[in-house]
């Protein structure tokens, strides 16, 4: 509980996040005791709340979140590097659900550097028993039983995560992030219309690569087999950080090129 924060001192078990999964989650990032990408994360939070028809308080300004995290996380807890996973949930105090107020909860995942690739490469596999949708709500971080099922499946099969497909049997994402596939100078990214998450962290990274002509970024519809054709695979998770993918089934992958690209990106912060 040390790095967990509620709107009030107690979590009301009657809130709709607990009862119905009626909540959205967005991550903010602290690097070297400063918020980074805070505008992108804030606007993603506002867009996610609008999609879920949550009542956005007038106090929810960018300055409010900057002050909140500076006071409670950076100054209060002296956290220099970490991910703030911020969740907004709907209360039950309105005449209608759309008129109900909202509350928030957030927790902080500390790490050495939010923009660094984790040292241990991940082992993934495809899961075919379930799939994820590719509609308006599939791109934001809302309650997803597919993520829970997939996470447990990964644990039971000694995997770090699983690749989730959409109803068309094409790659959408993993349970906690998006995948980038490197082939030569081309980086293929599943389209958001395929069920990939909207990710301020990933969008900042690929925008940097595109602007500096470091790679050819292409959004694609990617069939499951194409994962085996990649030379390197990167997993970017707003919730947990950045990871190399080392193995999918019997195919192993390098990470040299992606590590170089991430190091170049980090230099801009």
Protein backbone atom coordinates (compact mmCIF):
# COMPACT_ATOMS: atom_id res chain seq x y z
CA UNK A 1 0.00 0.00 0.00
CA UNK A 2 3.03 2.32 0.28
CA UNK A 3 2.73 3.69 -3.25
CA UNK A 4 -1.06 3.53 -3.59
CA UNK A 5 -3.30 6.58 -3.40
CA UNK A 6 -7.09 6.98 -3.19
CA UNK A 7 -9.32 10.03 -3.64
CA UNK A 8 -10.43 9.43 -0.05
CA UNK A 9 -8.92 7.46 2.80
CA UNK A 10 -11.12 4.45 2.18
CA UNK A 11 -12.02 2.60 -0.99
CA UNK A 12 -15.81 2.41 -1.20
CA UNK A 13 -16.68 -1.19 -2.14
CA UNK A 14 -19.89 0.11 -3.74
CA UNK A 15 -17.99 1.95 -6.45
CA UNK A 16 -18.64 0.76 -9.97
CA UNK A 17 -15.01 -0.12 -10.67
CA UNK A 18 -15.32 -2.84 -8.03
CA UNK A 19 -18.83 -3.95 -9.02
CA UNK A 20 -18.87 -3.51 -12.79
CA UNK A 21 -15.38 -2.69 -14.00
CA UNK A 22 -16.71 0.79 -14.81
CA UNK A 23 -13.37 2.59 -14.97
CA UNK A 24 -10.57 3.67 -17.27
CA UNK A 25 -6.83 3.61 -16.67
CA UNK A 26 -4.05 5.77 -18.08
CA UNK A 27 -0.36 5.90 -17.17
CA UNK A 28 1.80 8.93 -16.41
CA UNK A 29 5.59 8.80 -16.39
CA UNK A 30 8.21 10.16 -13.99
CA UNK A 31 11.81 10.35 -15.16
CA UNK A 32 14.60 11.98 -13.18
CA UNK A 33 12.02 13.53 -10.81
CA UNK A 34 10.07 15.14 -13.65
CA UNK A 35 6.81 14.29 -15.40
CA UNK A 36 7.43 13.50 -19.06
CA UNK A 37 4.85 13.23 -21.86
CA UNK A 38 2.34 14.64 -19.39
CA UNK A 39 0.29 16.47 -22.01
CA UNK A 40 -0.06 13.37 -24.19
CA UNK A 41 -1.05 11.26 -21.19
CA UNK A 42 -3.53 13.86 -19.97
CA UNK A 43 -5.29 14.18 -23.31
CA UNK A 44 -5.45 10.38 -23.58
CA UNK A 45 -7.10 10.29 -20.15
CA UNK A 46 -9.67 12.88 -21.24
CA UNK A 47 -10.38 10.97 -24.47
CA UNK A 48 -10.73 7.67 -22.58
CA UNK A 49 -13.16 9.22 -20.08
CA UNK A 50 -15.27 10.66 -22.92
CA UNK A 51 -15.43 7.28 -24.65
CA UNK A 52 -16.71 5.68 -21.45
CA UNK A 53 -19.17 8.56 -20.94
CA UNK A 54 -17.57 9.43 -17.61
CA UNK A 55 -18.42 12.81 -16.13
CA UNK A 56 -15.20 14.83 -16.36
CA UNK A 57 -14.82 17.21 -13.38
CA UNK A 58 -13.94 20.82 -14.15
CA UNK A 59 -10.97 20.41 -11.80
CA UNK A 60 -9.41 17.75 -14.06
CA UNK A 61 -7.02 20.09 -15.82
CA UNK A 62 -3.48 19.35 -16.88
CA UNK A 63 -2.27 21.64 -14.11
CA UNK A 64 -4.27 19.64 -11.55
CA UNK A 65 -2.49 16.41 -12.44
CA UNK A 66 0.89 18.07 -12.67
CA UNK A 67 0.41 19.50 -9.18
CA UNK A 68 -1.03 16.26 -7.77
CA UNK A 69 1.84 14.08 -8.94
CA UNK A 70 4.51 16.65 -8.12
CA UNK A 71 3.22 17.02 -4.56
CA UNK A 72 2.32 13.42 -3.69
CA UNK A 73 4.67 11.32 -5.83
CA UNK A 74 7.79 13.29 -6.72
CA UNK A 75 8.08 15.50 -3.63
CA UNK A 76 6.00 13.48 -1.15
CA UNK A 77 7.35 10.01 -1.84
CA UNK A 78 10.59 11.22 -3.46
CA UNK A 79 10.07 8.92 -6.41
CA UNK A 80 12.59 9.79 -9.11
CA UNK A 81 11.63 7.23 -11.78
CA UNK A 82 8.43 5.30 -12.19
CA UNK A 83 5.07 4.75 -13.84
CA UNK A 84 1.92 6.20 -12.29
CA UNK A 85 -1.02 3.95 -13.19
CA UNK A 86 -4.01 6.25 -12.74
CA UNK A 87 -7.55 4.87 -12.68
CA UNK A 88 -10.79 6.90 -12.74
CA UNK A 89 -14.02 5.14 -11.75
CA UNK A 90 -17.67 6.11 -11.72
CA UNK A 91 -19.58 6.60 -8.47
CA UNK A 92 -23.30 5.91 -7.98
CA UNK A 93 -24.42 9.29 -6.70
CA UNK A 94 -26.10 10.72 -9.78
CA UNK A 95 -29.65 10.61 -11.11
CA UNK A 96 -28.21 8.83 -14.15
CA UNK A 97 -24.87 7.10 -14.66
CA UNK A 98 -23.66 9.85 -16.97
CA UNK A 99 -24.38 12.43 -14.24
CA UNK A 100 -22.60 10.50 -11.49
CA UNK A 101 -19.38 11.88 -10.06
CA UNK A 102 -16.04 10.14 -10.44
CA UNK A 103 -13.23 9.24 -8.07
CA UNK A 104 -9.69 8.14 -8.68
CA UNK A 105 -7.11 5.67 -7.49
CA UNK A 106 -3.49 5.42 -8.55
CA UNK A 107 -0.40 3.43 -7.73
CA UNK A 108 3.24 3.95 -8.60
CA UNK A 109 5.57 1.36 -10.08
CA UNK A 110 9.12 2.44 -9.31
CA UNK A 111 11.94 1.54 -11.69
CA UNK A 112 15.41 2.72 -12.61
CA UNK A 113 14.38 4.36 -15.88
CA UNK A 114 10.91 4.33 -17.46
CA UNK A 115 12.46 4.68 -20.94
CA UNK A 116 14.98 1.86 -20.59
CA UNK A 117 14.44 -1.61 -22.01
CA UNK A 118 14.16 -4.16 -19.21
CA UNK A 119 17.23 -6.39 -19.06
CA UNK A 120 15.43 -9.73 -19.29
CA UNK A 121 13.89 -10.56 -22.65
CA UNK A 122 10.37 -11.98 -22.59
CA UNK A 123 9.05 -15.30 -23.85
CA UNK A 124 5.64 -15.09 -25.50
CA UNK A 125 3.25 -17.38 -27.32
CA UNK A 126 0.01 -17.03 -29.23
CA UNK A 127 -3.26 -17.83 -27.53
CA UNK A 128 -6.15 -18.94 -29.72
CA UNK A 129 -8.87 -19.89 -27.22
CA UNK A 130 -9.92 -16.25 -26.86
CA UNK A 131 -9.64 -13.07 -28.90
CA UNK A 132 -10.01 -9.34 -28.33
CA UNK A 133 -12.42 -7.01 -30.08
CA UNK A 134 -11.40 -4.20 -32.39
CA UNK A 135 -14.02 -1.56 -31.64
CA UNK A 136 -13.97 1.92 -30.08
CA UNK A 137 -13.35 0.65 -26.53
CA UNK A 138 -10.71 -1.92 -27.49
CA UNK A 139 -8.04 0.77 -27.80
CA UNK A 140 -8.36 2.17 -24.27
CA UNK A 141 -7.50 0.50 -20.98
CA UNK A 142 -10.80 -0.64 -19.57
CA UNK A 143 -11.80 -3.84 -17.78
CA UNK A 144 -10.79 -6.79 -19.98
CA UNK A 145 -11.43 -10.39 -18.90
CA UNK A 146 -9.30 -11.40 -21.89
CA UNK A 147 -6.28 -9.83 -20.19
CA UNK A 148 -6.99 -11.73 -16.97
CA UNK A 149 -7.45 -15.04 -18.75
CA UNK A 150 -4.37 -14.46 -20.89
CA UNK A 151 -2.23 -13.52 -17.89
CA UNK A 152 -3.19 -16.67 -16.02
CA UNK A 153 -2.62 -18.77 -19.14
CA UNK A 154 0.87 -17.27 -19.44
CA UNK A 155 1.66 -18.05 -15.78
CA UNK A 156 0.47 -21.65 -16.09
CA UNK A 157 2.59 -22.20 -19.20
CA UNK A 158 5.79 -20.54 -17.91
CA UNK A 159 5.41 -17.60 -20.28
CA UNK A 160 5.84 -13.89 -19.64
CA UNK A 161 2.83 -12.85 -21.71
CA UNK A 162 0.64 -13.98 -24.60
CA UNK A 163 -0.17 -12.48 -27.99
CA UNK A 164 -3.88 -11.81 -28.38
CA UNK A 165 -5.56 -12.00 -31.78
CA UNK A 166 -8.67 -10.20 -32.99
CA UNK A 167 -11.74 -11.98 -34.46
CA UNK A 168 -10.03 -11.94 -37.88
CA UNK A 169 -7.14 -14.00 -36.43
CA UNK A 170 -4.70 -11.12 -36.80
CA UNK A 171 -2.37 -9.77 -34.12
CA UNK A 172 -3.92 -7.12 -31.86
CA UNK A 173 -1.64 -6.81 -28.81
CA UNK A 174 -0.49 -8.68 -25.71
CA UNK A 175 -2.30 -8.61 -22.36
CA UNK A 176 -0.42 -5.51 -21.23
CA UNK A 177 1.11 -3.81 -24.26
CA UNK A 178 1.70 -3.32 -27.97
CA UNK A 179 4.14 -5.14 -30.22
CA UNK A 180 6.56 -3.63 -32.75
CA UNK A 181 8.10 -5.93 -35.38
CA UNK A 182 11.45 -5.01 -36.94
CA UNK A 183 12.39 -6.30 -40.39
CA UNK A 184 15.38 -4.52 -41.93
CA UNK A 185 14.66 -0.80 -41.64
CA UNK A 186 10.90 -1.33 -41.40
CA UNK A 187 9.02 -1.40 -38.10
CA UNK A 188 5.55 -2.89 -38.44
CA UNK A 189 2.95 -1.94 -35.85
CA UNK A 190 -0.57 -3.45 -35.64
CA UNK A 191 -3.23 -0.87 -36.51
CA UNK A 192 -5.46 0.45 -33.74
CA UNK A 193 -8.39 -0.82 -35.81
CA UNK A 194 -6.95 -4.30 -35.23
CA UNK A 195 -7.42 -3.98 -31.45
CA UNK A 196 -4.06 -2.47 -30.45
CA UNK A 197 -3.95 -0.12 -27.48
CA UNK A 198 -3.64 3.62 -27.89
CA UNK A 199 -0.28 4.23 -26.20
CA UNK A 200 1.23 7.67 -25.58
CA UNK A 201 4.54 5.95 -24.77
CA UNK A 202 4.65 4.03 -28.06
CA UNK A 203 3.40 6.96 -30.10
CA UNK A 204 6.16 9.17 -28.72
CA UNK A 205 8.76 6.53 -29.61
CA UNK A 206 7.60 5.90 -33.19
CA UNK A 207 7.12 9.63 -33.81
CA UNK A 208 10.73 10.20 -32.77
CA UNK A 209 11.94 7.45 -35.12
CA UNK A 210 9.88 8.82 -38.02
CA UNK A 211 10.95 12.45 -37.56
CA UNK A 212 14.62 11.48 -37.40
CA UNK A 213 14.43 9.00 -40.30
CA UNK A 214 15.71 6.20 -38.10
CA UNK A 215 13.15 3.66 -39.31
CA UNK A 216 10.25 3.27 -41.71
CA UNK A 217 7.16 3.03 -39.47
CA UNK A 218 4.28 1.12 -41.06
CA UNK A 219 0.89 0.29 -39.59
CA UNK A 220 -0.18 -3.15 -40.72
CA UNK A 221 -2.72 -5.91 -40.48
CA UNK A 222 -0.41 -8.67 -39.24
CA UNK A 223 -1.33 -12.33 -39.36
CA UNK A 224 -0.05 -14.52 -36.54
CA UNK A 225 2.57 -16.28 -38.67
CA UNK A 226 4.28 -12.98 -39.51
CA UNK A 227 5.58 -12.71 -35.96
CA UNK A 228 8.01 -15.48 -36.87
CA UNK A 229 9.43 -13.43 -39.75
CA UNK A 230 10.59 -10.52 -37.58
CA UNK A 231 14.26 -10.02 -36.77
CA UNK A 232 13.51 -8.21 -33.50
CA UNK A 233 10.33 -7.56 -31.50
CA UNK A 234 9.74 -4.83 -28.93
CA UNK A 235 6.86 -4.78 -26.43
CA UNK A 236 5.86 -1.31 -25.21
CA UNK A 237 3.53 -1.18 -22.22
CA UNK A 238 2.35 2.10 -20.71
CA UNK A 239 1.54 0.09 -17.59
CA UNK A 240 4.84 -1.80 -17.12
CA UNK A 241 7.53 -0.34 -19.36
CA UNK A 242 9.55 -1.47 -22.38
CA UNK A 243 10.66 -5.04 -23.06
CA UNK A 244 12.53 -7.02 -25.69
CA UNK A 245 10.84 -10.18 -26.89
CA UNK A 246 13.41 -12.96 -26.90
CA UNK A 247 11.34 -15.97 -27.93
CA UNK A 248 8.02 -16.96 -29.46
CA UNK A 249 7.60 -20.73 -29.60
CA UNK A 250 10.79 -22.08 -31.21
CA UNK A 251 11.90 -18.81 -32.77
CA UNK A 252 14.38 -16.57 -30.94
CA UNK A 253 14.93 -12.89 -31.62
CA UNK A 254 17.77 -10.43 -31.21
CA UNK A 255 17.45 -6.95 -29.69
CA UNK A 256 20.55 -5.00 -30.80
CA UNK A 257 18.83 -2.62 -33.21
CA UNK A 258 15.88 -1.83 -30.95
CA UNK A 259 18.23 -1.16 -28.03
CA UNK A 260 20.10 1.38 -30.19
CA UNK A 261 16.86 3.06 -31.24
CA UNK A 262 15.59 3.31 -27.67
CA UNK A 263 18.89 4.78 -26.51
CA UNK A 264 18.65 7.45 -29.21
CA UNK A 265 15.08 8.23 -28.13
CA UNK A 266 16.04 8.51 -24.45
CA UNK A 267 18.57 11.19 -25.28
CA UNK A 268 15.76 13.61 -26.07
CA UNK A 269 14.46 13.67 -22.48
